[in-house]
């Protein structure tokens, strides 16, 4: 049972979301006993009159060797958080566009019945001129760690820790979060009765602060 999911088989496993209207390319190299997979994706923008607004670019590199898995992925997105002008003039969309960058790195290692995983995620949003928008620069750091102990093929337990750190600059809207942090601990017990039946219990503890 993988709570962390910082390593996967494609960039969409660890990047922000599934993307429609995208071109996708994947290639796997085998070097000795190791495997390296590179995934590329480009999602076309869907805004009339502006090809780049709404587009996303992704790159993921994955490495596997015996019990070791490593992954790095980056994503660049442009989107418009305000409605297009009712007049139909799309010439100034770049002034209302937000640029979002998403970076993920993580790895896991298996030692007997124990799997240890670590990861880091950075999400950064920068307004391009931010015309009439209350959102300033925004950074969200997330540190992840996870230990899974497989007691039997059917029963396993996992202990996870997540650290969220938020930094927001020039933010004037009350509805948009400011600087702060949150710590989350999760303990999970999972039992698989069959391939279709899985029962688990989880306990969470969270703490917030500056």
C-alpha atoms as a PDB file:
ATOM      1  CA  UNK A   1       0.000   0.000   0.000  1.00  0.00           C
ATOM      2  CA  UNK A   2       1.740   3.178  -1.219  1.00  0.00           C
ATOM      3  CA  UNK A   3       0.639   6.325   0.586  1.00  0.00           C
ATOM      4  CA  UNK A   4       3.402   8.454  -0.843  1.00  0.00           C
ATOM      5  CA  UNK A   5       3.237   7.894  -4.628  1.00  0.00           C
ATOM      6  CA  UNK A   6       6.311   9.997  -5.353  1.00  0.00           C
ATOM      7  CA  UNK A   7       7.566   7.400  -7.794  1.00  0.00           C
ATOM      8  CA  UNK A   8       5.444   6.006 -10.597  1.00  0.00           C
ATOM      9  CA  UNK A   9       5.328   4.795 -14.146  1.00  0.00           C
ATOM     10  CA  UNK A  10       4.554   8.126 -15.824  1.00  0.00           C
ATOM     11  CA  UNK A  11       4.704  11.870 -15.077  1.00  0.00           C
ATOM     12  CA  UNK A  12       0.942  11.998 -14.542  1.00  0.00           C
ATOM     13  CA  UNK A  13       1.423   9.847 -11.429  1.00  0.00           C
ATOM     14  CA  UNK A  14       3.271  12.619  -9.618  1.00  0.00           C
ATOM     15  CA  UNK A  15       2.450  15.807 -11.509  1.00  0.00           C
ATOM     16  CA  UNK A  16      -0.597  17.968 -10.800  1.00  0.00           C
ATOM     17  CA  UNK A  17      -3.365  16.328 -12.843  1.00  0.00           C
ATOM     18  CA  UNK A  18      -4.406  14.285 -15.847  1.00  0.00           C
ATOM     19  CA  UNK A  19      -4.361  16.438 -19.000  1.00  0.00           C
ATOM     20  CA  UNK A  20      -6.592  16.124 -22.041  1.00  0.00           C
ATOM     21  CA  UNK A  21      -5.581  17.151 -25.588  1.00  0.00           C
ATOM     22  CA  UNK A  22      -1.948  16.271 -24.955  1.00  0.00           C
ATOM     23  CA  UNK A  23       0.882  14.742 -26.959  1.00  0.00           C
ATOM     24  CA  UNK A  24       2.808  12.129 -24.998  1.00  0.00           C
ATOM     25  CA  UNK A  25       6.132  10.354 -25.565  1.00  0.00           C
ATOM     26  CA  UNK A  26       7.853   7.725 -23.429  1.00  0.00           C
ATOM     27  CA  UNK A  27      11.106   5.835 -23.906  1.00  0.00           C
ATOM     28  CA  UNK A  28      12.827   3.232 -21.748  1.00  0.00           C
ATOM     29  CA  UNK A  29      16.541   2.442 -21.702  1.00  0.00           C
ATOM     30  CA  UNK A  30      18.052  -0.679 -20.155  1.00  0.00           C
ATOM     31  CA  UNK A  31      21.626  -0.189 -18.950  1.00  0.00           C
ATOM     32  CA  UNK A  32      22.976  -3.324 -17.351  1.00  0.00           C
ATOM     33  CA  UNK A  33      20.496  -4.249 -14.615  1.00  0.00           C
ATOM     34  CA  UNK A  34      19.030  -0.756 -14.346  1.00  0.00           C
ATOM     35  CA  UNK A  35      16.154   0.857 -16.225  1.00  0.00           C
ATOM     36  CA  UNK A  36      15.762   4.547 -17.071  1.00  0.00           C
ATOM     37  CA  UNK A  37      12.450   5.843 -18.390  1.00  0.00           C
ATOM     38  CA  UNK A  38      11.940   9.336 -19.824  1.00  0.00           C
ATOM     39  CA  UNK A  39       8.432  10.710 -20.310  1.00  0.00           C
ATOM     40  CA  UNK A  40       7.537  13.891 -22.181  1.00  0.00           C
ATOM     41  CA  UNK A  41       4.097  15.470 -22.473  1.00  0.00           C
ATOM     42  CA  UNK A  42       2.675  18.646 -23.971  1.00  0.00           C
ATOM     43  CA  UNK A  43      -0.937  19.748 -23.518  1.00  0.00           C
ATOM     44  CA  UNK A  44      -2.266  22.285 -25.995  1.00  0.00           C
ATOM     45  CA  UNK A  45      -3.940  25.405 -24.687  1.00  0.00           C
ATOM     46  CA  UNK A  46      -7.680  25.645 -25.118  1.00  0.00           C
ATOM     47  CA  UNK A  47      -8.146  29.423 -25.077  1.00  0.00           C
ATOM     48  CA  UNK A  48      -9.407  30.956 -28.355  1.00  0.00           C
ATOM     49  CA  UNK A  49      -6.957  33.445 -29.813  1.00  0.00           C
ATOM     50  CA  UNK A  50      -4.097  32.447 -27.528  1.00  0.00           C
ATOM     51  CA  UNK A  51      -2.247  29.186 -28.184  1.00  0.00           C
ATOM     52  CA  UNK A  52      -0.118  29.138 -25.028  1.00  0.00           C
ATOM     53  CA  UNK A  53      -2.726  30.016 -22.378  1.00  0.00           C
ATOM     54  CA  UNK A  54      -3.900  26.797 -20.775  1.00  0.00           C
ATOM     55  CA  UNK A  55      -0.962  24.764 -22.064  1.00  0.00           C
ATOM     56  CA  UNK A  56       1.173  22.439 -19.968  1.00  0.00           C
ATOM     57  CA  UNK A  57       4.661  21.003 -20.483  1.00  0.00           C
ATOM     58  CA  UNK A  58       5.905  17.986 -18.534  1.00  0.00           C
ATOM     59  CA  UNK A  59       9.132  16.040 -18.194  1.00  0.00           C
ATOM     60  CA  UNK A  60       9.706  13.001 -16.008  1.00  0.00           C
ATOM     61  CA  UNK A  61      12.779  10.815 -15.505  1.00  0.00           C
ATOM     62  CA  UNK A  62      12.530   7.529 -13.618  1.00  0.00           C
ATOM     63  CA  UNK A  63      15.317   5.200 -12.506  1.00  0.00           C
ATOM     64  CA  UNK A  64      14.973   1.619 -11.268  1.00  0.00           C
ATOM     65  CA  UNK A  65      17.688  -0.724 -10.020  1.00  0.00           C
ATOM     66  CA  UNK A  66      16.840  -3.797  -7.943  1.00  0.00           C
ATOM     67  CA  UNK A  67      15.188  -2.421  -4.772  1.00  0.00           C
ATOM     68  CA  UNK A  68      15.845   1.251  -5.572  1.00  0.00           C
ATOM     69  CA  UNK A  69      13.429   3.595  -7.369  1.00  0.00           C
ATOM     70  CA  UNK A  70      14.126   7.283  -8.065  1.00  0.00           C
ATOM     71  CA  UNK A  71      11.993   9.843  -9.880  1.00  0.00           C
ATOM     72  CA  UNK A  72      12.231  13.506 -10.904  1.00  0.00           C
ATOM     73  CA  UNK A  73       9.467  15.401 -12.683  1.00  0.00           C
ATOM     74  CA  UNK A  74       8.809  19.015 -13.674  1.00  0.00           C
ATOM     75  CA  UNK A  75       5.665  20.663 -14.980  1.00  0.00           C
ATOM     76  CA  UNK A  76       5.071  24.169 -16.362  1.00  0.00           C
ATOM     77  CA  UNK A  77       1.488  25.353 -16.764  1.00  0.00           C
ATOM     78  CA  UNK A  78      -0.146  28.578 -17.876  1.00  0.00           C
ATOM     79  CA  UNK A  79      -3.751  29.311 -17.064  1.00  0.00           C
ATOM     80  CA  UNK A  80      -6.086  32.260 -16.678  1.00  0.00           C
ATOM     81  CA  UNK A  81      -7.900  32.465 -13.316  1.00  0.00           C
ATOM     82  CA  UNK A  82     -10.317  35.171 -14.470  1.00  0.00           C
ATOM     83  CA  UNK A  83     -13.001  34.975 -17.141  1.00  0.00           C
ATOM     84  CA  UNK A  84     -12.125  36.077 -20.719  1.00  0.00           C
ATOM     85  CA  UNK A  85     -13.335  39.550 -21.707  1.00  0.00           C
ATOM     86  CA  UNK A  86     -16.985  39.628 -22.819  1.00  0.00           C
ATOM     87  CA  UNK A  87     -16.049  41.838 -25.761  1.00  0.00           C
ATOM     88  CA  UNK A  88     -14.209  38.935 -27.380  1.00  0.00           C
ATOM     89  CA  UNK A  89     -10.888  40.797 -27.390  1.00  0.00           C
ATOM     90  CA  UNK A  90      -8.264  38.238 -26.328  1.00  0.00           C
ATOM     91  CA  UNK A  91      -5.234  40.389 -27.127  1.00  0.00           C
ATOM     92  CA  UNK A  92      -4.376  41.099 -23.471  1.00  0.00           C
ATOM     93  CA  UNK A  93      -4.681  37.572 -22.091  1.00  0.00           C
ATOM     94  CA  UNK A  94      -0.959  37.437 -21.268  1.00  0.00           C
ATOM     95  CA  UNK A  95      -1.523  40.210 -18.727  1.00  0.00           C
ATOM     96  CA  UNK A  96      -4.009  37.999 -16.841  1.00  0.00           C
ATOM     97  CA  UNK A  97      -2.061  34.741 -17.060  1.00  0.00           C
ATOM     98  CA  UNK A  98      -0.649  32.802 -14.149  1.00  0.00           C
ATOM     99  CA  UNK A  99       2.485  30.705 -14.606  1.00  0.00           C
ATOM    100  CA  UNK A 100       2.588  27.605 -12.415  1.00  0.00           C
ATOM    101  CA  UNK A 101       5.693  25.456 -11.956  1.00  0.00           C
ATOM    102  CA  UNK A 102       5.549  22.079 -10.246  1.00  0.00           C
ATOM    103  CA  UNK A 103       8.700  20.166  -9.267  1.00  0.00           C
ATOM    104  CA  UNK A 104       8.776  16.703  -7.689  1.00  0.00           C
ATOM    105  CA  UNK A 105      11.662  14.490  -6.627  1.00  0.00           C
ATOM    106  CA  UNK A 106      11.430  11.278  -4.680  1.00  0.00           C
ATOM    107  CA  UNK A 107      12.725   7.806  -4.143  1.00  0.00           C
ATOM    108  CA  UNK A 108      12.069   4.555  -2.366  1.00  0.00           C
ATOM    109  CA  UNK A 109      14.182   1.616  -1.217  1.00  0.00           C
ATOM    110  CA  UNK A 110      13.077  -1.839  -0.121  1.00  0.00           C
ATOM    111  CA  UNK A 111      14.943  -3.668   2.653  1.00  0.00           C
ATOM    112  CA  UNK A 112      13.363  -7.063   3.210  1.00  0.00           C
ATOM    113  CA  UNK A 113       9.753  -6.469   4.321  1.00  0.00           C
ATOM    114  CA  UNK A 114      10.318  -2.709   4.809  1.00  0.00           C
ATOM    115  CA  UNK A 115       9.956   0.002   2.181  1.00  0.00           C
ATOM    116  CA  UNK A 116      11.273   3.500   2.939  1.00  0.00           C
ATOM    117  CA  UNK A 117      10.296   6.442   0.732  1.00  0.00           C
ATOM    118  CA  UNK A 118      11.224  10.137   0.763  1.00  0.00           C
ATOM    119  CA  UNK A 119      10.007  12.951  -1.442  1.00  0.00           C
ATOM    120  CA  UNK A 120       9.860  16.695  -1.970  1.00  0.00           C
ATOM    121  CA  UNK A 121       7.314  18.727  -3.937  1.00  0.00           C
ATOM    122  CA  UNK A 122       7.500  22.420  -4.854  1.00  0.00           C
ATOM    123  CA  UNK A 123       4.587  24.261  -6.384  1.00  0.00           C
ATOM    124  CA  UNK A 124       5.187  27.873  -7.431  1.00  0.00           C
ATOM    125  CA  UNK A 125       2.687  30.269  -8.995  1.00  0.00           C
ATOM    126  CA  UNK A 126       3.811  33.609 -10.445  1.00  0.00           C
ATOM    127  CA  UNK A 127       1.305  36.054 -11.924  1.00  0.00           C
ATOM    128  CA  UNK A 128       2.352  37.660 -15.215  1.00  0.00           C
ATOM    129  CA  UNK A 129       1.532  41.309 -14.401  1.00  0.00           C
ATOM    130  CA  UNK A 130      -1.454  39.996 -12.386  1.00  0.00           C
ATOM    131  CA  UNK A 131      -3.880  42.588 -13.778  1.00  0.00           C
ATOM    132  CA  UNK A 132      -6.626  43.204 -11.182  1.00  0.00           C
ATOM    133  CA  UNK A 133      -5.827  39.961  -9.371  1.00  0.00           C
ATOM    134  CA  UNK A 134      -5.247  39.648  -5.610  1.00  0.00           C
ATOM    135  CA  UNK A 135      -2.872  36.706  -5.920  1.00  0.00           C
ATOM    136  CA  UNK A 136       0.834  37.421  -5.602  1.00  0.00           C
ATOM    137  CA  UNK A 137       3.766  35.017  -5.702  1.00  0.00           C
ATOM    138  CA  UNK A 138       2.871  31.715  -4.122  1.00  0.00           C
ATOM    139  CA  UNK A 139       5.147  28.842  -3.057  1.00  0.00           C
ATOM    140  CA  UNK A 140       4.032  25.575  -1.548  1.00  0.00           C
ATOM    141  CA  UNK A 141       6.746  23.248  -0.210  1.00  0.00           C
ATOM    142  CA  UNK A 142       5.846  19.708   0.771  1.00  0.00           C
ATOM    143  CA  UNK A 143       8.190  17.184   2.360  1.00  0.00           C
ATOM    144  CA  UNK A 144       7.082  13.570   2.465  1.00  0.00           C
ATOM    145  CA  UNK A 145       8.306  10.426   4.183  1.00  0.00           C
ATOM    146  CA  UNK A 146       6.777   6.984   4.389  1.00  0.00           C
ATOM    147  CA  UNK A 147       7.665   3.605   5.914  1.00  0.00           C
ATOM    148  CA  UNK A 148       5.699   0.503   4.963  1.00  0.00           C
ATOM    149  CA  UNK A 149       6.171  -2.767   6.852  1.00  0.00           C
ATOM    150  CA  UNK A 150       4.758  -5.833   5.137  1.00  0.00           C
ATOM    151  CA  UNK A 151       4.033  -8.262   7.945  1.00  0.00           C
ATOM    152  CA  UNK A 152       2.389 -10.910   5.728  1.00  0.00           C
ATOM    153  CA  UNK A 153       1.491 -10.893   2.028  1.00  0.00           C
ATOM    154  CA  UNK A 154      -1.998  -9.796   3.073  1.00  0.00           C
ATOM    155  CA  UNK A 155      -1.286  -7.507   6.062  1.00  0.00           C
ATOM    156  CA  UNK A 156       0.864  -4.378   6.118  1.00  0.00           C
ATOM    157  CA  UNK A 157       1.288  -1.232   8.187  1.00  0.00           C
ATOM    158  CA  UNK A 158       2.470   2.220   7.123  1.00  0.00           C
ATOM    159  CA  UNK A 159       3.676   5.294   8.965  1.00  0.00           C
ATOM    160  CA  UNK A 160       3.773   8.580   7.037  1.00  0.00           C
ATOM    161  CA  UNK A 161       4.813  12.161   7.746  1.00  0.00           C
ATOM    162  CA  UNK A 162       3.969  15.180   5.590  1.00  0.00           C
ATOM    163  CA  UNK A 163       5.242  18.721   6.094  1.00  0.00           C
ATOM    164  CA  UNK A 164       3.530  21.575   4.221  1.00  0.00           C
ATOM    165  CA  UNK A 165       5.127  25.030   4.112  1.00  0.00           C
ATOM    166  CA  UNK A 166       3.256  27.886   2.432  1.00  0.00           C
ATOM    167  CA  UNK A 167       4.772  31.225   1.417  1.00  0.00           C
ATOM    168  CA  UNK A 168       2.582  33.842  -0.255  1.00  0.00           C
ATOM    169  CA  UNK A 169       3.760  37.331  -1.259  1.00  0.00           C
ATOM    170  CA  UNK A 170       1.638  40.399  -2.100  1.00  0.00           C
ATOM    171  CA  UNK A 171      -1.584  38.534  -1.392  1.00  0.00           C
ATOM    172  CA  UNK A 172      -4.511  40.801  -0.557  1.00  0.00           C
ATOM    173  CA  UNK A 173      -7.529  38.488  -0.844  1.00  0.00           C
ATOM    174  CA  UNK A 174      -8.809  37.151   2.473  1.00  0.00           C
ATOM    175  CA  UNK A 175      -9.809  33.845   0.849  1.00  0.00           C
ATOM    176  CA  UNK A 176      -6.242  33.049  -0.294  1.00  0.00           C
ATOM    177  CA  UNK A 177      -3.960  31.387   2.308  1.00  0.00           C
ATOM    178  CA  UNK A 178      -0.982  33.307   3.708  1.00  0.00           C
ATOM    179  CA  UNK A 179       2.308  32.037   5.131  1.00  0.00           C
ATOM    180  CA  UNK A 180       2.044  29.022   7.374  1.00  0.00           C
ATOM    181  CA  UNK A 181       2.884  25.374   7.847  1.00  0.00           C
ATOM    182  CA  UNK A 182       1.113  22.135   8.597  1.00  0.00           C
ATOM    183  CA  UNK A 183       2.443  18.812   9.869  1.00  0.00           C
ATOM    184  CA  UNK A 184       0.531  15.594   9.289  1.00  0.00           C
ATOM    185  CA  UNK A 185       1.240  12.168  10.757  1.00  0.00           C
ATOM    186  CA  UNK A 186      -0.648   9.127   9.486  1.00  0.00           C
ATOM    187  CA  UNK A 187      -0.667   5.528  10.732  1.00  0.00           C
ATOM    188  CA  UNK A 188      -2.353   2.948   8.541  1.00  0.00           C
ATOM    189  CA  UNK A 189      -3.117  -0.764   8.861  1.00  0.00           C
ATOM    190  CA  UNK A 190      -4.177  -2.568   5.697  1.00  0.00           C
ATOM    191  CA  UNK A 191      -5.476  -6.093   5.143  1.00  0.00           C
ATOM    192  CA  UNK A 192      -6.173  -7.601   1.724  1.00  0.00           C
ATOM    193  CA  UNK A 193      -8.782 -10.366   1.793  1.00  0.00           C
ATOM    194  CA  UNK A 194      -8.474 -10.797  -1.980  1.00  0.00           C
ATOM    195  CA  UNK A 195      -7.547  -8.880  -5.130  1.00  0.00           C
ATOM    196  CA  UNK A 196     -10.946  -7.167  -5.010  1.00  0.00           C
ATOM    197  CA  UNK A 197     -11.441  -6.759  -1.250  1.00  0.00           C
ATOM    198  CA  UNK A 198      -9.202  -4.495   0.814  1.00  0.00           C
ATOM    199  CA  UNK A 199      -9.914  -3.247   4.355  1.00  0.00           C
ATOM    200  CA  UNK A 200      -7.853  -0.591   6.119  1.00  0.00           C
ATOM    201  CA  UNK A 201      -7.929   1.640   9.179  1.00  0.00           C
ATOM    202  CA  UNK A 202      -6.063   4.938   9.432  1.00  0.00           C
ATOM    203  CA  UNK A 203      -5.298   7.394  12.216  1.00  0.00           C
ATOM    204  CA  UNK A 204      -4.237  10.978  11.383  1.00  0.00           C
ATOM    205  CA  UNK A 205      -2.796  13.730  13.519  1.00  0.00           C
ATOM    206  CA  UNK A 206      -2.215  17.235  12.191  1.00  0.00           C
ATOM    207  CA  UNK A 207      -0.741  20.424  13.604  1.00  0.00           C
ATOM    208  CA  UNK A 208      -0.658  23.893  12.040  1.00  0.00           C
ATOM    209  CA  UNK A 209       1.383  26.980  12.810  1.00  0.00           C
ATOM    210  CA  UNK A 210       3.512  29.785  11.436  1.00  0.00           C
END
